[in-house]
Amino acid sequence: MLFQRAADLTGRRLTDFIISSVQAAAEEAIRTHQVLELTAREMEAFLAAVRNPPAPNERLRAAARRHRVITAQ
């Protein structure tokens, strides 16, 4: 069996080998989806928006008012 051979080669029991392999794959999958990769152009646009955010529009101001009312209750 392929997995047993790999476990034997690494000096681990089959169960330990499978658990560590699945754990490594899970951590990589999570890491891949948590990292946001931007091009240089996208990074500049993001930083420009952070440095100079637009003024809040009426819709955002209304949401803030609703939030204050809800949290004050």
C-alpha atoms as a PDB file:
ATOM      1  CA  MET A   1       0.000   0.000   0.000  1.00  0.00           C
ATOM      2  CA  LEU A   2       1.319   3.433  -0.948  1.00  0.00           C
ATOM      3  CA  PHE A   3       0.535   5.165   2.346  1.00  0.00           C
ATOM      4  CA  GLN A   4       2.033   2.402   4.434  1.00  0.00           C
ATOM      5  CA  ARG A   5       5.237   2.521   2.400  1.00  0.00           C
ATOM      6  CA  ALA A   6       5.488   6.281   2.857  1.00  0.00           C
ATOM      7  CA  ALA A   7       4.861   5.907   6.589  1.00  0.00           C
ATOM      8  CA  ASP A   8       7.551   3.231   6.836  1.00  0.00           C
ATOM      9  CA  LEU A   9      10.032   5.412   4.959  1.00  0.00           C
ATOM     10  CA  THR A  10       9.459   8.294   7.370  1.00  0.00           C
ATOM     11  CA  GLY A  11       9.595   6.069  10.433  1.00  0.00           C
ATOM     12  CA  ARG A  12       6.012   6.726  11.490  1.00  0.00           C
ATOM     13  CA  ARG A  13       2.974   4.600  12.065  1.00  0.00           C
ATOM     14  CA  LEU A  14       0.402   4.727   9.280  1.00  0.00           C
ATOM     15  CA  THR A  15      -2.132   6.612  11.405  1.00  0.00           C
ATOM     16  CA  ASP A  16       0.443   9.229  12.436  1.00  0.00           C
ATOM     17  CA  PHE A  17       1.604   9.621   8.849  1.00  0.00           C
ATOM     18  CA  ILE A  18      -1.944  10.111   7.554  1.00  0.00           C
ATOM     19  CA  ILE A  19      -2.915  12.554  10.305  1.00  0.00           C
ATOM     20  CA  SER A  20       0.195  14.687   9.805  1.00  0.00           C
ATOM     21  CA  SER A  21      -0.267  14.656   6.023  1.00  0.00           C
ATOM     22  CA  VAL A  22      -3.914  15.674   6.243  1.00  0.00           C
ATOM     23  CA  GLN A  23      -3.082  18.345   8.818  1.00  0.00           C
ATOM     24  CA  ALA A  24      -0.395  19.823   6.566  1.00  0.00           C
ATOM     25  CA  ALA A  25      -2.807  19.838   3.613  1.00  0.00           C
ATOM     26  CA  ALA A  26      -5.529  21.501   5.708  1.00  0.00           C
ATOM     27  CA  GLU A  27      -3.146  24.192   6.983  1.00  0.00           C
ATOM     28  CA  GLU A  28      -1.997  24.925   3.433  1.00  0.00           C
ATOM     29  CA  ALA A  29      -5.585  25.158   2.159  1.00  0.00           C
ATOM     30  CA  ILE A  30      -6.475  27.613   4.935  1.00  0.00           C
ATOM     31  CA  ARG A  31      -3.305  29.652   4.408  1.00  0.00           C
ATOM     32  CA  THR A  32      -3.979  29.838   0.663  1.00  0.00           C
ATOM     33  CA  HIS A  33      -7.454  31.238   1.231  1.00  0.00           C
ATOM     34  CA  GLN A  34      -6.450  33.663   3.985  1.00  0.00           C
ATOM     35  CA  VAL A  35      -3.763  35.437   2.014  1.00  0.00           C
ATOM     36  CA  LEU A  36      -4.873  38.229  -0.256  1.00  0.00           C
ATOM     37  CA  GLU A  37      -2.523  38.689  -3.167  1.00  0.00           C
ATOM     38  CA  LEU A  38      -2.542  42.009  -4.975  1.00  0.00           C
ATOM     39  CA  THR A  39      -0.720  43.247  -8.018  1.00  0.00           C
ATOM     40  CA  ALA A  40       1.377  46.375  -7.573  1.00  0.00           C
ATOM     41  CA  ARG A  41      -1.375  48.391  -9.246  1.00  0.00           C
ATOM     42  CA  GLU A  42      -4.052  46.942  -6.942  1.00  0.00           C
ATOM     43  CA  MET A  43      -1.853  47.618  -3.909  1.00  0.00           C
ATOM     44  CA  GLU A  44      -1.448  51.259  -4.899  1.00  0.00           C
ATOM     45  CA  ALA A  45      -5.221  51.639  -5.357  1.00  0.00           C
ATOM     46  CA  PHE A  46      -5.841  50.050  -1.951  1.00  0.00           C
ATOM     47  CA  LEU A  47      -3.286  52.274  -0.213  1.00  0.00           C
ATOM     48  CA  ALA A  48      -4.682  55.374  -1.912  1.00  0.00           C
ATOM     49  CA  ALA A  49      -8.166  54.517  -0.654  1.00  0.00           C
ATOM     50  CA  VAL A  50      -6.842  53.957   2.880  1.00  0.00           C
ATOM     51  CA  ARG A  51      -4.863  57.201   2.860  1.00  0.00           C
ATOM     52  CA  ASN A  52      -7.663  59.273   1.330  1.00  0.00           C
ATOM     53  CA  PRO A  53     -10.977  57.596   2.082  1.00  0.00           C
ATOM     54  CA  PRO A  54     -14.077  59.079   0.456  1.00  0.00           C
ATOM     55  CA  ALA A  55     -16.469  61.047   2.633  1.00  0.00           C
ATOM     56  CA  PRO A  56     -19.388  59.006   3.955  1.00  0.00           C
ATOM     57  CA  ASN A  57     -22.444  59.169   1.720  1.00  0.00           C
ATOM     58  CA  GLU A  58     -26.045  59.383   2.938  1.00  0.00           C
ATOM     59  CA  ARG A  59     -26.506  55.632   2.889  1.00  0.00           C
ATOM     60  CA  LEU A  60     -23.523  55.105   5.211  1.00  0.00           C
ATOM     61  CA  ARG A  61     -24.671  57.896   7.533  1.00  0.00           C
ATOM     62  CA  ALA A  62     -28.145  56.293   7.726  1.00  0.00           C
ATOM     63  CA  ALA A  63     -26.584  52.926   8.572  1.00  0.00           C
ATOM     64  CA  ALA A  64     -24.551  54.554  11.348  1.00  0.00           C
ATOM     65  CA  ARG A  65     -27.710  56.163  12.772  1.00  0.00           C
ATOM     66  CA  ARG A  66     -29.525  52.797  12.720  1.00  0.00           C
ATOM     67  CA  HIS A  67     -26.569  51.181  14.450  1.00  0.00           C
ATOM     68  CA  ARG A  68     -26.568  53.805  17.209  1.00  0.00           C
ATOM     69  CA  VAL A  69     -30.305  53.288  17.772  1.00  0.00           C
ATOM     70  CA  ILE A  70     -29.954  49.505  17.941  1.00  0.00           C
ATOM     71  CA  THR A  71     -26.956  49.508  20.261  1.00  0.00           C
ATOM     72  CA  ALA A  72     -28.540  52.099  22.573  1.00  0.00           C
ATOM     73  CA  GLN A  73     -31.487  49.791  23.293  1.00  0.00           C
END
